[in-house]
Structures are given as structure tokens and as C-alpha cells.
Amino acid sequence: VVLGVAQDGGRPHLGCEAVCCESARNEGRVDSPACIGIY
């Protein structure tokens, strides 16, 4: 199962005030760094 698809800093990204991260902040969305799990 895929547990994250973002780069190390995720999204929203610390220090980013562009629309890519401001939109995520406004929506309360958090995209976590790349990670997979196996059961």
C-alpha cells in the first residue's frame, strides 16, 4: 500500500508561499513524503 507520494518536505512545504502550498494549507491538505508499506 502506498503511504506517501511527496518529496521529503511534503506538501504544504515549509517556507513555500506559492499557490501549490497555499492551496493545500487552505484546504487542510497534507501530502506526506514517499513511503510504502507491505502486509
PDB file of all heavy atoms in Angstrom:
ATOM      1  N   VAL A   1       0.856  -1.183   0.000  1.00  0.00           N
ATOM      2  CA  VAL A   1       0.000   0.000   0.000  1.00  0.00           C
ATOM      3  C   VAL A   1       0.895   1.237   0.000  1.00  0.00           C
ATOM      4  O   VAL A   1       1.924   1.277   0.672  1.00  0.00           O
ATOM      5  CB  VAL A   1      -0.954   0.001   1.215  1.00  0.00           C
ATOM      6  CG1 VAL A   1      -0.195  -0.009   2.537  1.00  0.00           C
ATOM      7  CG2 VAL A   1      -1.895   1.207   1.163  1.00  0.00           C
ATOM      8  N   VAL A   2       0.514   2.238  -0.797  1.00  0.00           N
ATOM      9  CA  VAL A   2       1.261   3.493  -0.871  1.00  0.00           C
ATOM     10  C   VAL A   2       0.842   4.386   0.288  1.00  0.00           C
ATOM     11  O   VAL A   2      -0.342   4.687   0.460  1.00  0.00           O
ATOM     12  CB  VAL A   2       1.015   4.200  -2.219  1.00  0.00           C
ATOM     13  CG1 VAL A   2       1.662   5.582  -2.233  1.00  0.00           C
ATOM     14  CG2 VAL A   2       1.565   3.351  -3.366  1.00  0.00           C
ATOM     15  N   LEU A   3       1.831   4.833   1.071  1.00  0.00           N
ATOM     16  CA  LEU A   3       1.571   5.619   2.278  1.00  0.00           C
ATOM     17  C   LEU A   3       1.984   7.079   2.143  1.00  0.00           C
ATOM     18  O   LEU A   3       1.755   7.870   3.058  1.00  0.00           O
ATOM     19  CB  LEU A   3       2.304   4.994   3.473  1.00  0.00           C
ATOM     20  CG  LEU A   3       1.969   3.537   3.785  1.00  0.00           C
ATOM     21  CD1 LEU A   3       2.866   3.002   4.893  1.00  0.00           C
ATOM     22  CD2 LEU A   3       0.502   3.382   4.166  1.00  0.00           C
ATOM     23  N   GLY A   4       2.601   7.441   1.023  1.00  0.00           N
ATOM     24  CA  GLY A   4       3.004   8.821   0.797  1.00  0.00           C
ATOM     25  C   GLY A   4       3.598   8.957  -0.586  1.00  0.00           C
ATOM     26  O   GLY A   4       4.214   8.020  -1.087  1.00  0.00           O
ATOM     27  N   VAL A   5       3.410  10.134  -1.212  1.00  0.00           N
ATOM     28  CA  VAL A   5       3.891  10.314  -2.583  1.00  0.00           C
ATOM     29  C   VAL A   5       4.694  11.603  -2.770  1.00  0.00           C
ATOM     30  O   VAL A   5       5.159  11.879  -3.874  1.00  0.00           O
ATOM     31  CB  VAL A   5       2.719  10.295  -3.591  1.00  0.00           C
ATOM     32  CG1 VAL A   5       1.980   8.975  -3.532  1.00  0.00           C
ATOM     33  CG2 VAL A   5       1.759  11.450  -3.366  1.00  0.00           C
ATOM     34  N   ALA A   6       4.888  12.390  -1.730  1.00  0.00           N
ATOM     35  CA  ALA A   6       5.551  13.682  -1.863  1.00  0.00           C
ATOM     36  C   ALA A   6       7.060  13.578  -1.637  1.00  0.00           C
ATOM     37  O   ALA A   6       7.568  12.566  -1.162  1.00  0.00           O
ATOM     38  CB  ALA A   6       4.946  14.694  -0.896  1.00  0.00           C
ATOM     39  N   GLN A   7       7.754  14.648  -1.984  1.00  0.00           N
ATOM     40  CA  GLN A   7       9.190  14.776  -1.720  1.00  0.00           C
ATOM     41  C   GLN A   7       9.398  14.983  -0.220  1.00  0.00           C
ATOM     42  O   GLN A   7       8.443  15.138   0.539  1.00  0.00           O
ATOM     43  CB  GLN A   7       9.739  15.943  -2.565  1.00  0.00           C
ATOM     44  CG  GLN A   7      11.240  16.160  -2.502  1.00  0.00           C
ATOM     45  CD  GLN A   7      11.622  17.225  -1.497  1.00  0.00           C
ATOM     46  OE1 GLN A   7      10.766  17.838  -0.854  1.00  0.00           O
ATOM     47  NE2 GLN A   7      12.918  17.433  -1.335  1.00  0.00           N
ATOM     48  N   ASP A   8      10.634  14.995   0.226  1.00  0.00           N
ATOM     49  CA  ASP A   8      10.991  14.967   1.642  1.00  0.00           C
ATOM     50  C   ASP A   8      10.212  15.940   2.526  1.00  0.00           C
ATOM     51  O   ASP A   8       9.822  15.607   3.640  1.00  0.00           O
ATOM     52  CB  ASP A   8      12.481  15.262   1.814  1.00  0.00           C
ATOM     53  CG  ASP A   8      13.371  14.230   1.151  1.00  0.00           C
ATOM     54  OD1 ASP A   8      13.011  13.749   0.057  1.00  0.00           O
ATOM     55  OD2 ASP A   8      14.434  13.893   1.708  1.00  0.00           O
ATOM     56  N   GLY A   9      10.009  17.177   2.032  1.00  0.00           N
ATOM     57  CA  GLY A   9       9.334  18.183   2.842  1.00  0.00           C
ATOM     58  C   GLY A   9       7.832  18.107   2.803  1.00  0.00           C
ATOM     59  O   GLY A   9       7.148  18.844   3.520  1.00  0.00           O
ATOM     60  N   GLY A  10       7.283  17.207   1.989  1.00  0.00           N
ATOM     61  CA  GLY A  10       5.839  17.069   1.892  1.00  0.00           C
ATOM     62  C   GLY A  10       5.189  18.308   1.286  1.00  0.00           C
ATOM     63  O   GLY A  10       5.849  19.194   0.748  1.00  0.00           O
ATOM     64  N   ARG A  11       3.874  18.356   1.377  1.00  0.00           N
ATOM     65  CA  ARG A  11       3.093  19.495   0.904  1.00  0.00           C
ATOM     66  C   ARG A  11       1.908  19.690   1.828  1.00  0.00           C
ATOM     67  O   ARG A  11       1.176  18.723   2.068  1.00  0.00           O
ATOM     68  CB  ARG A  11       2.607  19.254  -0.536  1.00  0.00           C
ATOM     69  CG  ARG A  11       1.989  20.493  -1.192  1.00  0.00           C
ATOM     70  CD  ARG A  11       1.615  20.222  -2.638  1.00  0.00           C
ATOM     71  NE  ARG A  11       0.366  19.450  -2.700  1.00  0.00           N
ATOM     72  CZ  ARG A  11      -0.823  19.960  -3.055  1.00  0.00           C
ATOM     73  NH1 ARG A  11      -0.933  21.225  -3.378  1.00  0.00           N
ATOM     74  NH2 ARG A  11      -1.894  19.209  -3.099  1.00  0.00           N
ATOM     75  N   PRO A  12       1.733  20.913   2.414  1.00  0.00           N
ATOM     76  CA  PRO A  12       2.495  22.128   2.190  1.00  0.00           C
ATOM     77  C   PRO A  12       3.940  22.028   2.690  1.00  0.00           C
ATOM     78  O   PRO A  12       4.236  21.276   3.613  1.00  0.00           O
ATOM     79  CB  PRO A  12       1.722  23.202   2.953  1.00  0.00           C
ATOM     80  CG  PRO A  12       0.773  22.486   3.839  1.00  0.00           C
ATOM     81  CD  PRO A  12       0.619  21.107   3.357  1.00  0.00           C
ATOM     82  N   HIS A  13       4.788  22.834   2.073  1.00  0.00           N
ATOM     83  CA  HIS A  13       6.224  22.768   2.261  1.00  0.00           C
ATOM     84  C   HIS A  13       6.669  23.989   3.069  1.00  0.00           C
ATOM     85  O   HIS A  13       6.263  25.113   2.770  1.00  0.00           O
ATOM     86  CB  HIS A  13       6.885  22.767   0.880  1.00  0.00           C
ATOM     87  CG  HIS A  13       8.309  22.369   0.839  1.00  0.00           C
ATOM     88  ND1 HIS A  13       9.327  23.250   1.059  1.00  0.00           N
ATOM     89  CD2 HIS A  13       8.891  21.178   0.572  1.00  0.00           C
ATOM     90  CE1 HIS A  13      10.489  22.624   0.924  1.00  0.00           C
ATOM     91  NE2 HIS A  13      10.250  21.366   0.641  1.00  0.00           N
ATOM     92  N   LEU A  14       7.481  23.774   4.085  1.00  0.00           N
ATOM     93  CA  LEU A  14       7.949  24.876   4.922  1.00  0.00           C
ATOM     94  C   LEU A  14       8.606  25.955   4.062  1.00  0.00           C
ATOM     95  O   LEU A  14       9.485  25.665   3.259  1.00  0.00           O
ATOM     96  CB  LEU A  14       8.955  24.361   5.953  1.00  0.00           C
ATOM     97  CG  LEU A  14       9.556  25.409   6.894  1.00  0.00           C
ATOM     98  CD1 LEU A  14       8.484  26.018   7.779  1.00  0.00           C
ATOM     99  CD2 LEU A  14      10.671  24.804   7.747  1.00  0.00           C
ATOM    100  N   GLY A  15       8.148  27.196   4.229  1.00  0.00           N
ATOM    101  CA  GLY A  15       8.748  28.318   3.522  1.00  0.00           C
ATOM    102  C   GLY A  15       8.165  28.592   2.157  1.00  0.00           C
ATOM    103  O   GLY A  15       8.532  29.576   1.524  1.00  0.00           O
ATOM    104  N   CYS A  16       7.250  27.757   1.689  1.00  0.00           N
ATOM    105  CA  CYS A  16       6.657  27.960   0.367  1.00  0.00           C
ATOM    106  C   CYS A  16       5.349  28.732   0.504  1.00  0.00           C
ATOM    107  O   CYS A  16       4.427  28.282   1.194  1.00  0.00           O
ATOM    108  CB  CYS A  16       6.408  26.637  -0.340  1.00  0.00           C
ATOM    109  SG  CYS A  16       5.591  26.836  -1.955  1.00  0.00           S
ATOM    110  N   GLU A  17       5.275  29.885  -0.171  1.00  0.00           N
ATOM    111  CA  GLU A  17       4.063  30.700  -0.145  1.00  0.00           C
ATOM    112  C   GLU A  17       3.397  30.757  -1.515  1.00  0.00           C
ATOM    113  O   GLU A  17       2.515  31.577  -1.740  1.00  0.00           O
ATOM    114  CB  GLU A  17       4.410  32.112   0.339  1.00  0.00           C
ATOM    115  CG  GLU A  17       4.955  32.116   1.762  1.00  0.00           C
ATOM    116  CD  GLU A  17       5.418  33.484   2.216  1.00  0.00           C
ATOM    117  OE1 GLU A  17       5.530  34.379   1.349  1.00  0.00           O
ATOM    118  OE2 GLU A  17       5.678  33.645   3.422  1.00  0.00           O
ATOM    119  N   ALA A  18       3.825  29.869  -2.412  1.00  0.00           N
ATOM    120  CA  ALA A  18       3.224  29.798  -3.748  1.00  0.00           C
ATOM    121  C   ALA A  18       1.888  29.068  -3.675  1.00  0.00           C
ATOM    122  O   ALA A  18       1.552  28.426  -2.676  1.00  0.00           O
ATOM    123  CB  ALA A  18       4.172  29.096  -4.716  1.00  0.00           C
ATOM    124  N   VAL A  19       1.136  29.128  -4.783  1.00  0.00           N
ATOM    125  CA  VAL A  19      -0.207  28.553  -4.796  1.00  0.00           C
ATOM    126  C   VAL A  19      -0.187  27.055  -4.538  1.00  0.00           C
ATOM    127  O   VAL A  19      -1.139  26.501  -3.954  1.00  0.00           O
ATOM    128  CB  VAL A  19      -0.910  28.860  -6.140  1.00  0.00           C
ATOM    129  CG1 VAL A  19      -0.197  28.190  -7.306  1.00  0.00           C
ATOM    130  CG2 VAL A  19      -2.381  28.449  -6.094  1.00  0.00           C
ATOM    131  N   CYS A  20       0.897  26.352  -4.932  1.00  0.00           N
ATOM    132  CA  CYS A  20       0.951  24.898  -4.731  1.00  0.00           C
ATOM    133  C   CYS A  20       0.810  24.530  -3.263  1.00  0.00           C
ATOM    134  O   CYS A  20       0.192  23.515  -2.931  1.00  0.00           O
ATOM    135  CB  CYS A  20       2.252  24.337  -5.310  1.00  0.00           C
ATOM    136  SG  CYS A  20       3.762  25.094  -4.654  1.00  0.00           S
ATOM    137  N   CYS A  21       1.375  25.346  -2.379  1.00  0.00           N
ATOM    138  CA  CYS A  21       1.304  25.039  -0.944  1.00  0.00           C
ATOM    139  C   CYS A  21       0.221  25.833  -0.227  1.00  0.00           C
ATOM    140  O   CYS A  21      -0.387  25.335   0.721  1.00  0.00           O
ATOM    141  CB  CYS A  21       2.665  25.280  -0.298  1.00  0.00           C
ATOM    142  SG  CYS A  21       3.911  24.078  -0.837  1.00  0.00           S
ATOM    143  N   GLU A  22      -0.030  27.071  -0.682  1.00  0.00           N
ATOM    144  CA  GLU A  22      -1.101  27.842  -0.066  1.00  0.00           C
ATOM    145  C   GLU A  22      -2.452  27.167  -0.275  1.00  0.00           C
ATOM    146  O   GLU A  22      -3.294  27.144   0.625  1.00  0.00           O
ATOM    147  CB  GLU A  22      -1.128  29.264  -0.636  1.00  0.00           C
ATOM    148  CG  GLU A  22      -0.047  30.166  -0.084  1.00  0.00           C
ATOM    149  CD  GLU A  22      -0.141  30.367   1.418  1.00  0.00           C
ATOM    150  OE1 GLU A  22      -1.257  30.579   1.937  1.00  0.00           O
ATOM    151  OE2 GLU A  22       0.906  30.275   2.085  1.00  0.00           O
ATOM    152  N   SER A  23      -2.653  26.581  -1.455  1.00  0.00           N
ATOM    153  CA  SER A  23      -3.921  25.887  -1.699  1.00  0.00           C
ATOM    154  C   SER A  23      -4.064  24.689  -0.770  1.00  0.00           C
ATOM    155  O   SER A  23      -5.152  24.418  -0.246  1.00  0.00           O
ATOM    156  CB  SER A  23      -4.006  25.434  -3.159  1.00  0.00           C
ATOM    157  OG  SER A  23      -2.958  24.527  -3.483  1.00  0.00           O
ATOM    158  N   ALA A  24      -2.963  23.962  -0.550  1.00  0.00           N
ATOM    159  CA  ALA A  24      -3.015  22.823   0.369  1.00  0.00           C
ATOM    160  C   ALA A  24      -3.304  23.282   1.789  1.00  0.00           C
ATOM    161  O   ALA A  24      -4.099  22.664   2.508  1.00  0.00           O
ATOM    162  CB  ALA A  24      -1.692  22.055   0.308  1.00  0.00           C
ATOM    163  N   ARG A  25      -2.671  24.377   2.206  1.00  0.00           N
ATOM    164  CA  ARG A  25      -2.927  24.902   3.560  1.00  0.00           C
ATOM    165  C   ARG A  25      -4.391  25.302   3.721  1.00  0.00           C
ATOM    166  O   ARG A  25      -5.028  24.991   4.736  1.00  0.00           O
ATOM    167  CB  ARG A  25      -2.020  26.101   3.841  1.00  0.00           C
ATOM    168  CG  ARG A  25      -0.554  25.774   3.984  1.00  0.00           C
ATOM    169  CD  ARG A  25       0.262  26.978   4.455  1.00  0.00           C
ATOM    170  NE  ARG A  25       1.679  26.641   4.431  1.00  0.00           N
ATOM    171  CZ  ARG A  25       2.518  27.012   3.464  1.00  0.00           C
ATOM    172  NH1 ARG A  25       2.064  27.754   2.453  1.00  0.00           N
ATOM    173  NH2 ARG A  25       3.777  26.648   3.489  1.00  0.00           N
ATOM    174  N   ASN A  26      -4.908  25.997   2.723  1.00  0.00           N
ATOM    175  CA  ASN A  26      -6.292  26.468   2.813  1.00  0.00           C
ATOM    176  C   ASN A  26      -7.294  25.322   2.836  1.00  0.00           C
ATOM    177  O   ASN A  26      -8.363  25.434   3.439  1.00  0.00           O
ATOM    178  CB  ASN A  26      -6.599  27.401   1.634  1.00  0.00           C
ATOM    179  CG  ASN A  26      -5.806  28.696   1.701  1.00  0.00           C
ATOM    180  OD1 ASN A  26      -5.361  29.109   2.773  1.00  0.00           O
ATOM    181  ND2 ASN A  26      -5.608  29.341   0.559  1.00  0.00           N
ATOM    182  N   GLU A  27      -6.935  24.217   2.182  1.00  0.00           N
ATOM    183  CA  GLU A  27      -7.816  23.048   2.141  1.00  0.00           C
ATOM    184  C   GLU A  27      -7.601  22.113   3.326  1.00  0.00           C
ATOM    185  O   GLU A  27      -8.337  21.139   3.491  1.00  0.00           O
ATOM    186  CB  GLU A  27      -7.580  22.263   0.849  1.00  0.00           C
ATOM    187  CG  GLU A  27      -7.927  23.029  -0.419  1.00  0.00           C
ATOM    188  CD  GLU A  27      -7.394  22.343  -1.664  1.00  0.00           C
ATOM    189  OE1 GLU A  27      -6.839  21.230  -1.537  1.00  0.00           O
ATOM    190  OE2 GLU A  27      -7.510  22.923  -2.765  1.00  0.00           O
ATOM    191  N   GLY A  28      -6.584  22.406   4.142  1.00  0.00           N
ATOM    192  CA  GLY A  28      -6.250  21.499   5.238  1.00  0.00           C
ATOM    193  C   GLY A  28      -5.667  20.196   4.750  1.00  0.00           C
ATOM    194  O   GLY A  28      -5.757  19.162   5.424  1.00  0.00           O
ATOM    195  N   ARG A  29      -5.040  20.229   3.564  1.00  0.00           N
ATOM    196  CA  ARG A  29      -4.491  19.010   2.959  1.00  0.00           C
ATOM    197  C   ARG A  29      -3.030  18.846   3.348  1.00  0.00           C
ATOM    198  O   ARG A  29      -2.259  19.801   3.359  1.00  0.00           O
ATOM    199  CB  ARG A  29      -4.625  19.073   1.436  1.00  0.00           C
ATOM    200  CG  ARG A  29      -3.908  17.952   0.721  1.00  0.00           C
ATOM    201  CD  ARG A  29      -4.243  17.873  -0.741  1.00  0.00           C
ATOM    202  NE  ARG A  29      -3.519  16.774  -1.382  1.00  0.00           N
ATOM    203  CZ  ARG A  29      -3.835  16.255  -2.546  1.00  0.00           C
ATOM    204  NH1 ARG A  29      -4.882  16.713  -3.207  1.00  0.00           N
ATOM    205  NH2 ARG A  29      -3.131  15.273  -3.069  1.00  0.00           N
ATOM    206  N   VAL A  30      -2.644  17.618   3.665  1.00  0.00           N
ATOM    207  CA  VAL A  30      -1.250  17.299   3.966  1.00  0.00           C
ATOM    208  C   VAL A  30      -0.833  16.102   3.121  1.00  0.00           C
ATOM    209  O   VAL A  30      -1.440  15.030   3.197  1.00  0.00           O
ATOM    210  CB  VAL A  30      -1.047  16.964   5.456  1.00  0.00           C
ATOM    211  CG1 VAL A  30       0.395  16.556   5.713  1.00  0.00           C
ATOM    212  CG2 VAL A  30      -1.423  18.164   6.329  1.00  0.00           C
ATOM    213  N   ASP A  31       0.183  16.292   2.285  1.00  0.00           N
ATOM    214  CA  ASP A  31       0.733  15.211   1.475  1.00  0.00           C
ATOM    215  C   ASP A  31       2.073  14.790   2.061  1.00  0.00           C
ATOM    216  O   ASP A  31       3.003  15.594   2.140  1.00  0.00           O
ATOM    217  CB  ASP A  31       0.901  15.657   0.022  1.00  0.00           C
ATOM    218  CG  ASP A  31      -0.440  15.921  -0.646  1.00  0.00           C
ATOM    219  OD1 ASP A  31      -1.202  14.955  -0.812  1.00  0.00           O
ATOM    220  OD2 ASP A  31      -0.736  17.089  -0.976  1.00  0.00           O
ATOM    221  N   SER A  32       2.166  13.546   2.498  1.00  0.00           N
ATOM    222  CA  SER A  32       3.332  13.050   3.216  1.00  0.00           C
ATOM    223  C   SER A  32       4.422  12.556   2.259  1.00  0.00           C
ATOM    224  O   SER A  32       4.146  12.207   1.110  1.00  0.00           O
ATOM    225  CB  SER A  32       2.919  11.903   4.151  1.00  0.00           C
ATOM    226  OG  SER A  32       1.990  12.351   5.106  1.00  0.00           O
ATOM    227  N   PRO A  33       5.672  12.496   2.754  1.00  0.00           N
ATOM    228  CA  PRO A  33       6.781  12.018   1.920  1.00  0.00           C
ATOM    229  C   PRO A  33       6.598  10.572   1.463  1.00  0.00           C
ATOM    230  O   PRO A  33       5.883   9.780   2.088  1.00  0.00           O
ATOM    231  CB  PRO A  33       7.997  12.151   2.843  1.00  0.00           C
ATOM    232  CG  PRO A  33       7.621  13.217   3.805  1.00  0.00           C
ATOM    233  CD  PRO A  33       6.154  13.034   4.040  1.00  0.00           C
ATOM    234  N   ALA A  34       7.283  10.244   0.366  1.00  0.00           N
ATOM    235  CA  ALA A  34       7.150   8.933  -0.273  1.00  0.00           C
ATOM    236  C   ALA A  34       7.460   7.796   0.694  1.00  0.00           C
ATOM    237  O   ALA A  34       8.482   7.797   1.382  1.00  0.00           O
ATOM    238  CB  ALA A  34       8.079   8.853  -1.482  1.00  0.00           C
ATOM    239  N   CYS A  35       6.565   6.814   0.718  1.00  0.00           N
ATOM    240  CA  CYS A  35       6.695   5.682   1.637  1.00  0.00           C
ATOM    241  C   CYS A  35       5.729   4.597   1.185  1.00  0.00           C
ATOM    242  O   CYS A  35       4.640   4.903   0.684  1.00  0.00           O
ATOM    243  CB  CYS A  35       6.359   6.139   3.057  1.00  0.00           C
ATOM    244  SG  CYS A  35       6.340   4.833   4.308  1.00  0.00           S
ATOM    245  N   ILE A  36       6.125   3.348   1.339  1.00  0.00           N
ATOM    246  CA  ILE A  36       5.200   2.242   1.078  1.00  0.00           C
ATOM    247  C   ILE A  36       5.225   1.268   2.249  1.00  0.00           C
ATOM    248  O   ILE A  36       6.218   1.167   2.981  1.00  0.00           O
ATOM    249  CB  ILE A  36       5.519   1.496  -0.240  1.00  0.00           C
ATOM    250  CG1 ILE A  36       6.933   0.907  -0.213  1.00  0.00           C
ATOM    251  CG2 ILE A  36       5.327   2.402  -1.438  1.00  0.00           C
ATOM    252  CD1 ILE A  36       7.259   0.083  -1.463  1.00  0.00           C
ATOM    253  N   GLY A  37       4.118   0.562   2.419  1.00  0.00           N
ATOM    254  CA  GLY A  37       4.016  -0.468   3.446  1.00  0.00           C
ATOM    255  C   GLY A  37       3.623  -1.790   2.812  1.00  0.00           C
ATOM    256  O   GLY A  37       3.023  -1.817   1.727  1.00  0.00           O
ATOM    257  N   ILE A  38       3.950  -2.886   3.474  1.00  0.00           N
ATOM    258  CA  ILE A  38       3.613  -4.223   2.971  1.00  0.00           C
ATOM    259  C   ILE A  38       3.078  -5.057   4.126  1.00  0.00           C
ATOM    260  O   ILE A  38       3.614  -5.028   5.237  1.00  0.00           O
ATOM    261  CB  ILE A  38       4.846  -4.908   2.342  1.00  0.00           C
ATOM    262  CG1 ILE A  38       5.312  -4.108   1.107  1.00  0.00           C
ATOM    263  CG2 ILE A  38       4.529  -6.352   1.951  1.00  0.00           C
ATOM    264  CD1 ILE A  38       6.607  -4.607   0.503  1.00  0.00           C
ATOM    265  N   TYR A  39       2.012  -5.814   3.850  1.00  0.00           N
ATOM    266  CA  TYR A  39       1.359  -6.665   4.849  1.00  0.00           C
ATOM    267  C   TYR A  39       1.421  -8.112   4.396  1.00  0.00           C
ATOM    268  O   TYR A  39       1.159  -8.424   3.227  1.00  0.00           O
ATOM    269  CB  TYR A  39      -0.097  -6.225   5.004  1.00  0.00           C
ATOM    270  CG  TYR A  39      -0.938  -7.084   5.910  1.00  0.00           C
ATOM    271  CD1 TYR A  39      -0.602  -7.262   7.252  1.00  0.00           C
ATOM    272  CD2 TYR A  39      -2.091  -7.705   5.430  1.00  0.00           C
ATOM    273  CE1 TYR A  39      -1.392  -8.038   8.088  1.00  0.00           C
ATOM    274  CE2 TYR A  39      -2.890  -8.478   6.261  1.00  0.00           C
ATOM    275  CZ  TYR A  39      -2.531  -8.646   7.594  1.00  0.00           C
ATOM    276  OH  TYR A  39      -3.320  -9.416   8.408  1.00  0.00           O
TER     277      TYR A  39
END
